[in-house]
Amino acid sequence: MSKITRVPGYMQSKGNRNRGPIGDREIRYKCSMQNTILDVLRARPGWQEVSGPNTAANQQQPGQKGSATGSQPAKDKNGPATSSTGGTTTTKTSNQTTTPSNQMTGTTTTTKSSIVNRGFPTPQPTPRIVDGDWDFYWCDREWLHANYDTMFLQEHQKILHFRNHYELTRKNLMVKNLKRLRKQTEREMGKKEAESFDFFPTTYELPSEYHIFVEEFKKNPGIIWIMKPAAKSQGRGIFLFRKLKDITDWKKGEYQPLTDPNREVPETYVVQRYIENPYLIGGRKFDIRVYVLVVSYNPLKVWLYRSGFARFSNSRFSLDSIEDAYVHLTNVAVQKTAPDYDPDKGCKWATQQLRQYLTAKHSADAARKVFQGIDNIIIKSLQSVQKIIINDKHCFEMYGYDVLLDSKLKPWLIEINASPSLTASGKDDYDLKYGVLNDVLNVLDLENRLTGKEKRVGGFDLIWDDGPVLADDGSMECSVNGSSTTANSFLGCHSERKKQLREIYTAAQALKKSVAS
């Protein structure tokens, strides 16, 4: 990768100057999270952190290190191994950032260390960048909801989350949108095509659909149902039941007009038919976390990350104890509280390891069908909200899909997360999430290093670009007797992301030079 060129005087104070297109200047970012994404942003060459309200820099306590995770220095193609903190402890006094040595007003220790370690000249003292003067913002959902409608974004600015992302990530709205598209598909294309939506369990929203649910419940006595809060994550508030009396809190009086103005509105839940025959490995239930990047809804443009992980329960599966969360819920937030949980061993497999296991135990074709089914889930779910999501060229979304396999190797959509956990549970988990987040930035390409025609960037493969994307010849890492008509999807396949990044940047640079000459 060629060294980034700086315009003369780029570190000099120019007040509230018009930033405009990024060009060759440094990229200014804001981040409201204190986890792996902050490490990624701080280690990225030519990127400078913006201080202001709702940023990680303002959330750190005196004496706290600048690293978001405290993990070991990360190595990536963007530069040599460096510590996210620059090797010093950052403290705050009177709105100034100081360090035990080498004080530098107006620039954090992290920024200084990153610039020096990558061969850039030490910047001269400069006033703190004002809030709002940014090019990239990894914000939280609450901030977006409170500020999006009052913001004016410049042409080049990028921000995490679409305005109404919850249409896909709230459990009740996700199912409502999927049901609507399934009905539309059946009406326009027939029942056979509508069967491609048969990947989510029978689901009802409570309290609004309670009476419809009761009718279905009585048709299938004895089966197990699962209750989930519509807007909570990490396994909170979830429980299983077999009898209607187990949900009396949602049954009594919740469906009458609110005559009492002081009466609290009941929390929205979804009730789903529980998948009683999950595919087990070592007698344990698991689900699969899949990372999906959407950079546009109109037209729909979707990238799928090759790596992910399978999350296992800590206890062997059984339907005899439906009240045991350690048996039925695979969320790490739940499993790590188990008395016999081993934090060093954890409960995760890499997606590559899972695909190899399925291939060895069943066949390469069986494994391929599993992952094709996951591709179908991703595309159909995104299409269900394509006309509803408020598309904005400044926005992007990194989703965390959770998929469960049943005993017949059929994939089922469990939920979709707009803010998948970025906190690492161990070194391997940190390396995975660091790579995912770095490649999100590589796909967004604020540095303008790519041609825009790439089908693969690091660990991300372009699977949909206003239509299915086909793989190039020679890209069939996971297929047997593959052909050029194979979809450009390689979930669970081998990924040499750093090597691939070097190759595409070299090719893009050569192409741009040839066009310019």
Protein backbone atom coordinates (compact mmCIF):
# COMPACT_ATOMS: atom_id res chain seq x y z
CA MET A 1 0.00 0.00 0.00
CA SER A 2 1.42 3.37 -0.93
CA LYS A 3 2.17 5.89 1.78
CA ILE A 4 -0.64 8.37 2.38
CA THR A 5 0.19 11.80 1.01
CA ARG A 6 -0.51 14.81 3.22
CA VAL A 7 -1.47 18.24 2.00
CA PRO A 8 0.82 21.03 3.32
CA GLY A 9 -0.25 22.36 6.70
CA TYR A 10 -2.84 19.65 7.25
CA MET A 11 -2.28 19.68 11.01
CA GLN A 12 -2.42 23.47 11.33
CA SER A 13 -5.36 25.15 12.98
CA LYS A 14 -7.79 26.62 10.50
CA GLY A 15 -10.75 27.10 12.79
CA ASN A 16 -14.04 25.64 11.61
CA ARG A 17 -12.87 25.07 8.04
CA ASN A 18 -15.01 23.31 5.45
CA ARG A 19 -13.86 19.71 5.37
CA GLY A 20 -15.43 18.74 2.08
CA PRO A 21 -14.35 15.54 0.30
CA ILE A 22 -11.61 13.70 2.17
CA GLY A 23 -9.04 13.52 -0.62
CA ASP A 24 -5.54 13.09 0.78
CA ARG A 25 -6.11 14.58 4.22
CA GLU A 26 -6.52 12.60 7.45
CA ILE A 27 -9.89 10.99 8.19
CA ARG A 28 -11.61 12.19 11.33
CA TYR A 29 -13.75 9.70 13.20
CA LYS A 30 -16.05 9.55 16.21
CA CYS A 31 -16.83 6.41 18.18
CA SER A 32 -19.28 5.99 21.04
CA MET A 33 -18.16 2.42 21.88
CA GLN A 34 -15.34 1.21 24.13
CA ASN A 35 -14.61 -2.18 22.62
CA THR A 36 -12.86 -3.73 19.62
CA ILE A 37 -14.10 -1.11 17.14
CA LEU A 38 -12.25 1.60 19.05
CA ASP A 39 -9.03 -0.40 18.83
CA VAL A 40 -9.53 -0.81 15.08
CA LEU A 41 -10.16 2.90 14.49
CA ARG A 42 -7.23 4.02 16.64
CA ALA A 43 -4.81 1.66 14.88
CA ARG A 44 -5.90 2.65 11.38
CA PRO A 45 -3.22 4.81 9.71
CA GLY A 46 -4.26 8.30 8.72
CA TRP A 47 -7.36 8.30 10.94
CA GLN A 48 -7.71 10.84 13.75
CA GLU A 49 -10.11 10.63 16.70
CA VAL A 50 -12.61 13.43 17.30
CA SER A 51 -13.45 14.37 20.86
CA GLY A 52 -16.94 15.43 21.80
CA PRO A 53 -20.19 14.35 23.48
CA ASN A 54 -21.12 10.67 23.17
CA THR A 55 -17.57 9.59 22.25
CA ALA A 56 -15.37 6.94 23.82
CA ALA A 57 -12.67 9.52 24.52
CA ASN A 58 -15.02 11.37 26.89
CA GLN A 59 -16.24 8.17 28.53
CA GLN A 60 -12.81 7.02 29.75
CA GLN A 61 -12.10 7.51 33.42
CA PRO A 62 -8.90 9.15 34.79
CA GLY A 63 -6.06 6.68 34.80
CA GLN A 64 -7.81 4.36 32.34
CA LYS A 65 -5.76 3.13 29.42
CA GLY A 66 -6.69 4.25 25.94
CA SER A 67 -7.23 0.69 24.72
CA ALA A 68 -10.86 -0.26 24.45
CA THR A 69 -10.29 -3.91 25.24
CA GLY A 70 -6.95 -4.22 26.92
CA SER A 71 -6.05 -6.93 24.40
CA GLN A 72 -2.67 -7.52 22.89
CA PRO A 73 -1.58 -5.27 20.02
CA ALA A 74 -3.29 -6.26 16.81
CA LYS A 75 -1.46 -6.94 13.58
CA ASP A 76 -3.09 -6.06 10.30
CA LYS A 77 -2.15 -5.17 6.78
CA ASN A 78 -2.57 -1.48 7.54
CA GLY A 79 0.62 -1.32 9.55
CA PRO A 80 2.95 -3.02 12.04
CA ALA A 81 1.85 -4.33 15.42
CA THR A 82 1.10 -1.39 17.67
CA SER A 83 -0.51 -0.92 21.01
CA SER A 84 -3.83 0.87 20.97
CA THR A 85 -2.65 3.02 23.86
CA GLY A 86 0.78 3.88 22.57
CA GLY A 87 2.20 2.20 25.66
CA THR A 88 1.27 4.95 28.11
CA THR A 89 -1.52 5.70 30.50
CA THR A 90 -3.85 8.54 29.58
CA THR A 91 -5.26 10.85 32.24
CA LYS A 92 -7.49 13.88 32.00
CA THR A 93 -7.04 17.13 33.90
CA SER A 94 -8.92 20.36 33.24
CA ASN A 95 -10.13 19.18 29.82
CA GLN A 96 -6.57 18.53 28.66
CA THR A 97 -5.03 15.17 27.88
CA THR A 98 -1.66 14.55 29.50
CA THR A 99 0.69 11.60 29.72
CA PRO A 100 3.43 10.72 32.18
CA SER A 101 5.98 11.67 29.54
CA ASN A 102 6.11 13.37 26.14
CA GLN A 103 3.14 15.65 26.79
CA MET A 104 1.41 16.81 23.64
CA THR A 105 -1.48 19.20 23.92
CA GLY A 106 -4.50 18.57 21.74
CA THR A 107 -3.53 15.10 20.49
CA THR A 108 -4.21 11.86 22.33
CA THR A 109 -1.37 9.49 23.14
CA THR A 110 -2.93 6.92 20.83
CA THR A 111 -3.00 9.25 17.83
CA LYS A 112 0.57 10.41 18.40
CA SER A 113 1.91 6.89 18.79
CA SER A 114 0.06 5.61 15.71
CA ILE A 115 1.38 8.42 13.53
CA VAL A 116 4.98 8.11 14.74
CA ASN A 117 5.01 4.32 14.45
CA ARG A 118 3.86 4.51 10.82
CA GLY A 119 6.53 6.97 9.73
CA PHE A 120 4.45 10.16 9.71
CA PRO A 121 6.07 13.34 11.13
CA THR A 122 5.14 14.19 14.71
CA PRO A 123 2.22 16.62 14.48
CA GLN A 124 2.51 20.12 15.85
CA PRO A 125 0.19 21.16 18.70
CA THR A 126 -3.29 21.80 17.38
CA PRO A 127 -6.61 22.75 19.03
CA ARG A 128 -8.99 19.92 19.86
CA ILE A 129 -11.27 19.16 16.92
CA VAL A 130 -14.78 20.40 17.57
CA ASP A 131 -17.70 17.99 17.84
CA GLY A 132 -19.43 17.51 14.51
CA ASP A 133 -16.24 17.92 12.49
CA TRP A 134 -16.02 14.27 11.48
CA ASP A 135 -16.00 12.02 8.42
CA PHE A 136 -16.96 8.69 10.02
CA TYR A 137 -19.11 8.02 13.08
CA TRP A 138 -19.61 4.63 14.75
CA CYS A 139 -22.55 5.74 16.89
CA ASP A 140 -24.98 3.90 19.12
CA ARG A 141 -28.63 3.45 18.18
CA GLU A 142 -29.95 5.74 20.90
CA TRP A 143 -27.87 8.66 19.68
CA LEU A 144 -28.98 8.10 16.09
CA HIS A 145 -32.65 8.03 17.03
CA ALA A 146 -32.29 11.28 18.98
CA ASN A 147 -30.25 13.18 16.38
CA TYR A 148 -30.73 11.76 12.88
CA ASP A 149 -33.71 13.90 11.90
CA THR A 150 -31.91 17.13 12.85
CA MET A 151 -28.57 16.32 11.18
CA PHE A 152 -27.23 17.63 7.89
CA LEU A 153 -24.57 15.30 6.52
CA GLN A 154 -21.92 16.30 4.02
CA GLU A 155 -21.51 14.28 0.83
CA HIS A 156 -18.57 12.25 2.14
CA GLN A 157 -19.73 11.51 5.71
CA LYS A 158 -20.55 7.94 6.81
CA ILE A 159 -22.53 6.89 9.89
CA LEU A 160 -23.52 3.54 11.37
CA HIS A 161 -27.22 2.52 11.25
CA PHE A 162 -30.07 3.37 8.93
CA ARG A 163 -32.77 5.57 10.42
CA ASN A 164 -35.37 2.82 10.94
CA HIS A 165 -33.09 -0.22 11.19
CA TYR A 166 -35.42 -1.64 13.86
CA GLU A 167 -37.82 -2.77 11.11
CA LEU A 168 -35.49 -5.74 10.69
CA THR A 169 -33.93 -6.09 14.14
CA ARG A 170 -36.95 -5.90 16.45
CA LYS A 171 -38.22 -9.47 16.66
CA ASN A 172 -41.91 -8.63 16.16
CA LEU A 173 -41.29 -6.29 13.20
CA MET A 174 -38.87 -8.74 11.57
CA VAL A 175 -41.54 -11.46 11.55
CA LYS A 176 -44.26 -9.04 10.43
CA ASN A 177 -42.20 -7.94 7.42
CA LEU A 178 -41.26 -11.51 6.52
CA LYS A 179 -44.90 -12.62 6.68
CA ARG A 180 -45.95 -9.74 4.45
CA LEU A 181 -43.35 -10.51 1.77
CA ARG A 182 -44.20 -14.22 1.93
CA LYS A 183 -47.87 -13.47 1.30
CA GLN A 184 -46.97 -11.13 -1.54
CA THR A 185 -44.70 -13.75 -3.08
CA GLU A 186 -47.39 -16.43 -2.85
CA ARG A 187 -49.94 -14.11 -4.44
CA GLU A 188 -47.67 -13.06 -7.31
CA MET A 189 -45.49 -16.15 -7.88
CA GLY A 190 -47.30 -19.08 -6.30
CA LYS A 191 -46.96 -21.33 -3.27
CA LYS A 192 -43.81 -23.06 -4.49
CA GLU A 193 -41.81 -19.83 -4.49
CA ALA A 194 -43.34 -18.78 -1.16
CA GLU A 195 -41.86 -21.92 0.40
CA SER A 196 -38.45 -20.24 0.20
CA PHE A 197 -39.63 -18.16 3.20
CA ASP A 198 -40.12 -21.24 5.36
CA PHE A 199 -37.14 -20.44 7.57
CA PHE A 200 -38.70 -18.80 10.65
CA PRO A 201 -40.83 -20.59 13.27
CA THR A 202 -44.55 -19.96 13.75
CA THR A 203 -44.58 -16.63 15.58
CA TYR A 204 -47.13 -14.34 17.23
CA GLU A 205 -46.84 -10.92 18.84
CA LEU A 206 -48.13 -10.51 22.38
CA PRO A 207 -50.30 -9.00 23.62
CA SER A 208 -51.81 -7.89 20.27
CA GLU A 209 -52.11 -11.41 18.78
CA TYR A 210 -52.81 -13.30 21.99
CA HIS A 211 -56.19 -14.70 20.93
CA ILE A 212 -54.81 -15.91 17.58
CA PHE A 213 -51.96 -17.55 19.45
CA VAL A 214 -54.37 -19.32 21.83
CA GLU A 215 -56.20 -20.87 18.87
CA GLU A 216 -52.90 -22.19 17.47
CA PHE A 217 -51.82 -23.38 20.90
CA LYS A 218 -54.96 -25.46 21.32
CA LYS A 219 -54.45 -27.10 17.92
CA ASN A 220 -51.05 -28.45 19.06
CA PRO A 221 -51.30 -29.45 22.73
CA GLY A 222 -48.10 -30.43 24.49
CA ILE A 223 -45.61 -28.69 22.23
CA ILE A 224 -43.07 -26.23 23.64
CA TRP A 225 -43.21 -22.48 22.98
CA ILE A 226 -40.58 -19.82 23.67
CA MET A 227 -41.27 -16.26 24.84
CA LYS A 228 -38.89 -13.42 23.92
CA PRO A 229 -39.03 -9.67 24.60
CA ALA A 230 -39.29 -7.97 21.20
CA ALA A 231 -36.60 -5.39 21.87
CA LYS A 232 -34.10 -7.07 24.22
CA SER A 233 -30.92 -8.99 23.50
CA GLN A 234 -28.36 -11.30 25.12
CA GLY A 235 -31.03 -13.75 26.24
CA ARG A 236 -32.71 -11.36 28.67
CA GLY A 237 -36.35 -12.13 29.52
CA ILE A 238 -36.53 -15.37 27.49
CA PHE A 239 -38.27 -18.47 28.83
CA LEU A 240 -39.90 -21.67 27.57
CA PHE A 241 -43.36 -22.98 28.47
CA ARG A 242 -45.84 -25.76 27.74
CA LYS A 243 -48.97 -24.46 29.48
CA LEU A 244 -50.99 -21.28 29.02
CA LYS A 245 -51.05 -20.65 32.75
CA ASP A 246 -47.30 -20.01 32.53
CA ILE A 247 -47.94 -16.73 30.72
CA THR A 248 -50.72 -15.29 32.87
CA ASP A 249 -48.81 -12.01 33.23
CA TRP A 250 -49.47 -11.39 29.53
CA LYS A 251 -52.97 -12.84 29.55
CA LYS A 252 -54.90 -10.93 32.19
CA GLY A 253 -56.34 -7.57 31.32
CA GLU A 254 -53.78 -6.68 28.69
CA TYR A 255 -56.22 -6.62 25.81
CA GLN A 256 -58.80 -4.16 27.14
CA PRO A 257 -58.77 -0.39 26.47
CA LEU A 258 -56.46 1.52 28.78
CA THR A 259 -59.15 3.19 30.89
CA ASP A 260 -56.60 3.96 33.60
CA PRO A 261 -54.17 6.61 32.29
CA ASN A 262 -51.64 5.60 34.93
CA ARG A 263 -51.65 1.98 33.87
CA GLU A 264 -48.37 0.81 32.38
CA VAL A 265 -48.51 -0.39 28.77
CA PRO A 266 -47.50 -4.08 28.64
CA GLU A 267 -44.11 -4.92 27.16
CA THR A 268 -44.24 -6.40 23.66
CA TYR A 269 -43.16 -10.02 23.38
CA VAL A 270 -43.03 -12.56 20.61
CA VAL A 271 -44.03 -16.16 21.22
CA GLN A 272 -42.56 -18.75 18.85
CA ARG A 273 -42.89 -22.46 18.39
CA TYR A 274 -39.71 -23.85 19.93
CA ILE A 275 -37.47 -25.91 17.66
CA GLU A 276 -37.46 -29.15 19.65
CA ASN A 277 -35.06 -31.05 17.38
CA PRO A 278 -31.93 -28.88 17.08
CA TYR A 279 -28.82 -30.31 15.43
CA LEU A 280 -26.46 -31.34 18.22
CA ILE A 281 -22.68 -31.64 18.35
CA GLY A 282 -21.37 -33.49 21.37
CA GLY A 283 -24.94 -33.52 22.67
CA ARG A 284 -25.04 -29.72 22.83
CA LYS A 285 -27.20 -27.18 21.06
CA PHE A 286 -25.62 -24.30 19.14
CA ASP A 287 -26.46 -21.43 16.84
CA ILE A 288 -24.37 -19.67 14.20
CA ARG A 289 -23.42 -15.98 14.26
CA VAL A 290 -23.09 -14.55 10.73
CA TYR A 291 -21.84 -11.04 9.93
CA VAL A 292 -23.59 -9.16 7.12
CA LEU A 293 -22.74 -5.67 5.85
CA VAL A 294 -25.38 -3.64 3.99
CA VAL A 295 -24.10 -0.47 2.33
CA SER A 296 -27.30 0.36 0.44
CA TYR A 297 -30.96 -0.68 0.38
CA ASN A 298 -31.78 1.04 -2.89
CA PRO A 299 -30.29 -0.66 -4.76
CA LEU A 300 -29.73 -3.49 -2.30
CA LYS A 301 -26.00 -4.19 -1.88
CA VAL A 302 -24.97 -6.90 0.56
CA TRP A 303 -21.59 -8.22 1.73
CA LEU A 304 -21.22 -11.51 3.65
CA TYR A 305 -18.23 -12.20 5.92
CA ARG A 306 -16.54 -15.56 5.49
CA SER A 307 -15.77 -16.06 9.17
CA GLY A 308 -18.11 -16.23 12.13
CA PHE A 309 -18.68 -18.64 14.96
CA ALA A 310 -20.99 -21.28 16.39
CA ARG A 311 -22.06 -20.63 20.00
CA PHE A 312 -22.65 -23.77 22.06
CA SER A 313 -24.65 -24.26 25.20
CA ASN A 314 -22.67 -25.29 28.26
CA SER A 315 -24.98 -28.22 29.11
CA ARG A 316 -26.18 -31.23 27.16
CA PHE A 317 -29.52 -30.76 25.42
CA SER A 318 -32.69 -32.17 26.96
CA LEU A 319 -36.40 -31.33 26.83
CA ASP A 320 -36.85 -32.58 30.39
CA SER A 321 -35.72 -29.27 31.91
CA ILE A 322 -37.17 -26.48 29.79
CA GLU A 323 -36.53 -23.98 32.60
CA ASP A 324 -32.73 -24.44 32.38
CA ALA A 325 -31.33 -21.52 30.36
CA TYR A 326 -27.88 -23.14 30.18
CA VAL A 327 -29.39 -25.96 28.11
CA HIS A 328 -31.61 -23.97 25.73
CA LEU A 329 -30.02 -20.52 25.29
CA THR A 330 -26.68 -20.25 23.50
CA ASN A 331 -26.07 -16.55 24.23
CA VAL A 332 -22.57 -16.00 25.62
CA ALA A 333 -24.01 -13.54 28.15
CA VAL A 334 -26.06 -16.44 29.55
CA GLN A 335 -23.53 -19.26 29.20
CA LYS A 336 -20.66 -17.43 30.91
CA THR A 337 -22.68 -17.35 34.14
CA ALA A 338 -22.89 -21.17 34.28
CA PRO A 339 -21.16 -22.59 37.39
CA ASP A 340 -18.91 -24.88 35.32
CA TYR A 341 -18.18 -22.40 32.51
CA ASP A 342 -14.52 -22.39 31.46
CA PRO A 343 -13.56 -18.89 30.19
CA ASP A 344 -10.34 -20.20 28.62
CA LYS A 345 -12.11 -22.94 26.67
CA GLY A 346 -15.29 -20.98 25.97
CA CYS A 347 -18.21 -22.35 23.98
CA LYS A 348 -17.38 -21.36 20.39
CA TRP A 349 -16.29 -22.93 17.13
CA ALA A 350 -15.12 -20.98 14.12
CA THR A 351 -17.54 -21.21 11.18
CA GLN A 352 -14.75 -22.82 9.15
CA GLN A 353 -14.48 -25.57 11.76
CA LEU A 354 -18.24 -26.11 11.67
CA ARG A 355 -18.29 -26.37 7.88
CA GLN A 356 -15.44 -28.89 7.96
CA TYR A 357 -17.32 -30.94 10.57
CA LEU A 358 -20.55 -30.99 8.53
CA THR A 359 -18.61 -31.91 5.38
CA ALA A 360 -16.83 -34.78 7.11
CA LYS A 361 -19.90 -36.13 8.91
CA HIS A 362 -22.45 -35.73 6.11
CA SER A 363 -20.97 -34.63 2.77
CA ALA A 364 -19.67 -31.59 0.96
CA ASP A 365 -23.01 -31.31 -0.82
CA ALA A 366 -24.95 -31.42 2.46
CA ALA A 367 -22.74 -28.69 3.93
CA ARG A 368 -23.13 -26.61 0.77
CA LYS A 369 -26.93 -26.82 1.03
CA VAL A 370 -26.79 -25.65 4.65
CA PHE A 371 -24.87 -22.54 3.76
CA GLN A 372 -26.97 -21.90 0.67
CA GLY A 373 -29.96 -21.95 3.01
CA ILE A 374 -28.28 -19.31 5.18
CA ASP A 375 -27.68 -17.17 2.06
CA ASN A 376 -31.40 -17.44 1.27
CA ILE A 377 -32.29 -16.31 4.80
CA ILE A 378 -30.05 -13.26 4.51
CA ILE A 379 -31.34 -12.10 1.13
CA LYS A 380 -35.03 -12.79 1.78
CA SER A 381 -34.95 -11.01 5.14
CA LEU A 382 -33.27 -7.94 3.67
CA GLN A 383 -35.71 -7.89 0.76
CA SER A 384 -38.59 -7.93 3.26
CA VAL A 385 -37.58 -4.45 4.47
CA GLN A 386 -35.99 -3.10 1.30
CA LYS A 387 -38.93 -0.81 0.54
CA ILE A 388 -39.42 0.16 4.19
CA ILE A 389 -35.92 1.08 5.33
CA ILE A 390 -35.17 4.77 4.80
CA ASN A 391 -32.23 4.48 2.44
CA ASP A 392 -29.46 7.03 2.91
CA LYS A 393 -26.13 6.95 1.09
CA HIS A 394 -24.42 8.14 4.28
CA CYS A 395 -25.58 5.09 6.27
CA PHE A 396 -24.44 1.50 6.50
CA GLU A 397 -25.38 -1.43 8.73
CA MET A 398 -23.40 -4.35 10.11
CA TYR A 399 -25.87 -7.03 11.17
CA GLY A 400 -25.28 -10.06 13.33
CA TYR A 401 -27.56 -12.88 12.10
CA ASP A 402 -28.26 -15.78 14.46
CA VAL A 403 -29.16 -19.04 12.69
CA LEU A 404 -30.05 -22.43 14.17
CA LEU A 405 -29.81 -25.82 12.43
CA ASP A 406 -32.35 -28.54 13.14
CA SER A 407 -31.66 -32.28 13.08
CA LYS A 408 -32.38 -32.37 9.33
CA LEU A 409 -29.75 -29.64 8.71
CA LYS A 410 -32.40 -27.07 7.90
CA PRO A 411 -31.34 -23.52 8.89
CA TRP A 412 -33.79 -21.38 10.89
CA LEU A 413 -33.57 -17.64 11.46
CA ILE A 414 -33.59 -16.87 15.19
CA GLU A 415 -32.96 -13.13 15.23
CA ILE A 416 -31.03 -10.29 13.60
CA ASN A 417 -28.94 -7.88 15.66
CA ALA A 418 -28.27 -4.27 14.64
CA SER A 419 -25.52 -4.00 17.27
CA PRO A 420 -23.86 -7.43 17.52
CA SER A 421 -21.50 -7.73 20.45
CA LEU A 422 -18.03 -6.39 19.66
CA THR A 423 -16.57 -7.23 23.07
CA ALA A 424 -14.14 -10.13 22.76
CA SER A 425 -14.41 -13.21 24.96
CA GLY A 426 -10.87 -14.34 24.18
CA LYS A 427 -7.92 -13.92 21.82
CA ASP A 428 -9.47 -15.82 18.89
CA ASP A 429 -12.73 -13.91 19.32
CA TYR A 430 -10.81 -10.63 19.42
CA ASP A 431 -8.88 -11.48 16.25
CA LEU A 432 -12.13 -12.40 14.45
CA LYS A 433 -13.95 -9.22 15.43
CA TYR A 434 -10.90 -7.07 14.75
CA GLY A 435 -10.74 -8.49 11.23
CA VAL A 436 -14.48 -8.07 10.64
CA LEU A 437 -14.44 -4.42 11.71
CA ASN A 438 -11.28 -3.60 9.79
CA ASP A 439 -12.82 -5.07 6.65
CA VAL A 440 -16.02 -3.06 7.19
CA LEU A 441 -13.84 0.04 6.90
CA ASN A 442 -12.03 -1.48 3.92
CA VAL A 443 -15.34 -2.03 2.09
CA LEU A 444 -16.58 1.49 2.90
CA ASP A 445 -13.22 2.73 1.51
CA LEU A 446 -13.14 6.29 2.80
CA GLU A 447 -9.51 6.43 1.65
CA ASN A 448 -10.62 5.82 -1.97
CA ARG A 449 -8.11 3.03 -2.54
CA LEU A 450 -10.44 0.64 -4.42
CA THR A 451 -11.98 0.70 -7.88
CA GLY A 452 -15.55 0.06 -6.69
CA LYS A 453 -15.81 -3.09 -8.87
CA GLU A 454 -14.43 -5.56 -6.33
CA LYS A 455 -16.37 -8.72 -5.49
CA ARG A 456 -14.23 -9.46 -2.47
CA VAL A 457 -12.58 -7.17 0.07
CA GLY A 458 -10.65 -8.94 2.82
CA GLY A 459 -13.06 -11.40 4.44
CA PHE A 460 -16.18 -9.88 2.86
CA ASP A 461 -17.72 -11.28 -0.34
CA LEU A 462 -20.29 -9.30 -2.33
CA ILE A 463 -23.31 -11.64 -2.56
CA TRP A 464 -25.99 -9.23 -3.81
CA ASP A 465 -25.69 -6.10 -5.93
CA ASP A 466 -29.23 -5.32 -7.08
CA GLY A 467 -29.28 -9.02 -7.98
CA PRO A 468 -27.26 -12.16 -7.20
CA VAL A 469 -23.49 -11.90 -7.69
CA LEU A 470 -21.72 -14.82 -9.36
CA ALA A 471 -18.26 -15.97 -8.37
CA ASP A 472 -15.31 -15.59 -10.71
CA ASP A 473 -13.61 -18.68 -12.07
CA GLY A 474 -11.01 -19.98 -9.65
CA SER A 475 -12.91 -18.70 -6.62
CA MET A 476 -14.52 -22.01 -5.60
CA GLU A 477 -12.69 -22.56 -2.31
CA CYS A 478 -15.54 -24.60 -0.82
CA SER A 479 -17.23 -26.27 -3.75
CA VAL A 480 -16.76 -29.65 -5.35
CA ASN A 481 -16.93 -29.71 -9.15
CA GLY A 482 -17.95 -26.06 -8.93
CA SER A 483 -18.75 -24.02 -12.00
CA SER A 484 -18.60 -20.37 -12.97
CA THR A 485 -22.29 -20.01 -12.11
CA THR A 486 -21.63 -20.56 -8.39
CA ALA A 487 -22.88 -17.74 -6.14
CA ASN A 488 -20.18 -15.44 -4.79
CA SER A 489 -20.76 -16.68 -1.25
CA PHE A 490 -18.09 -18.38 0.86
CA LEU A 491 -19.35 -18.47 4.44
CA GLY A 492 -17.18 -20.87 6.40
CA CYS A 493 -14.57 -21.04 3.65
CA HIS A 494 -10.85 -20.43 3.88
CA SER A 495 -9.97 -16.76 4.17
CA GLU A 496 -6.50 -15.28 3.69
CA ARG A 497 -7.82 -11.76 4.12
CA LYS A 498 -4.49 -9.97 4.55
CA LYS A 499 -3.02 -11.52 1.39
CA GLN A 500 -6.19 -10.73 -0.54
CA LEU A 501 -6.16 -7.11 0.64
CA ARG A 502 -2.60 -6.63 -0.53
CA GLU A 503 -3.52 -8.04 -3.93
CA ILE A 504 -6.62 -5.89 -4.52
CA TYR A 505 -4.92 -2.69 -3.36
CA THR A 506 -1.99 -3.35 -5.67
CA ALA A 507 -4.33 -4.10 -8.57
CA ALA A 508 -6.50 -1.04 -7.87
CA GLN A 509 -3.47 1.24 -7.69
CA ALA A 510 -2.11 -0.13 -10.98
CA LEU A 511 -5.49 0.33 -12.68
CA LYS A 512 -5.83 3.91 -11.49
CA LYS A 513 -2.32 4.71 -12.74
CA SER A 514 -3.05 3.21 -16.15
CA VAL A 515 -6.27 5.20 -16.47
CA ALA A 516 -4.52 8.41 -15.44
CA SER A 517 -1.62 7.94 -17.89
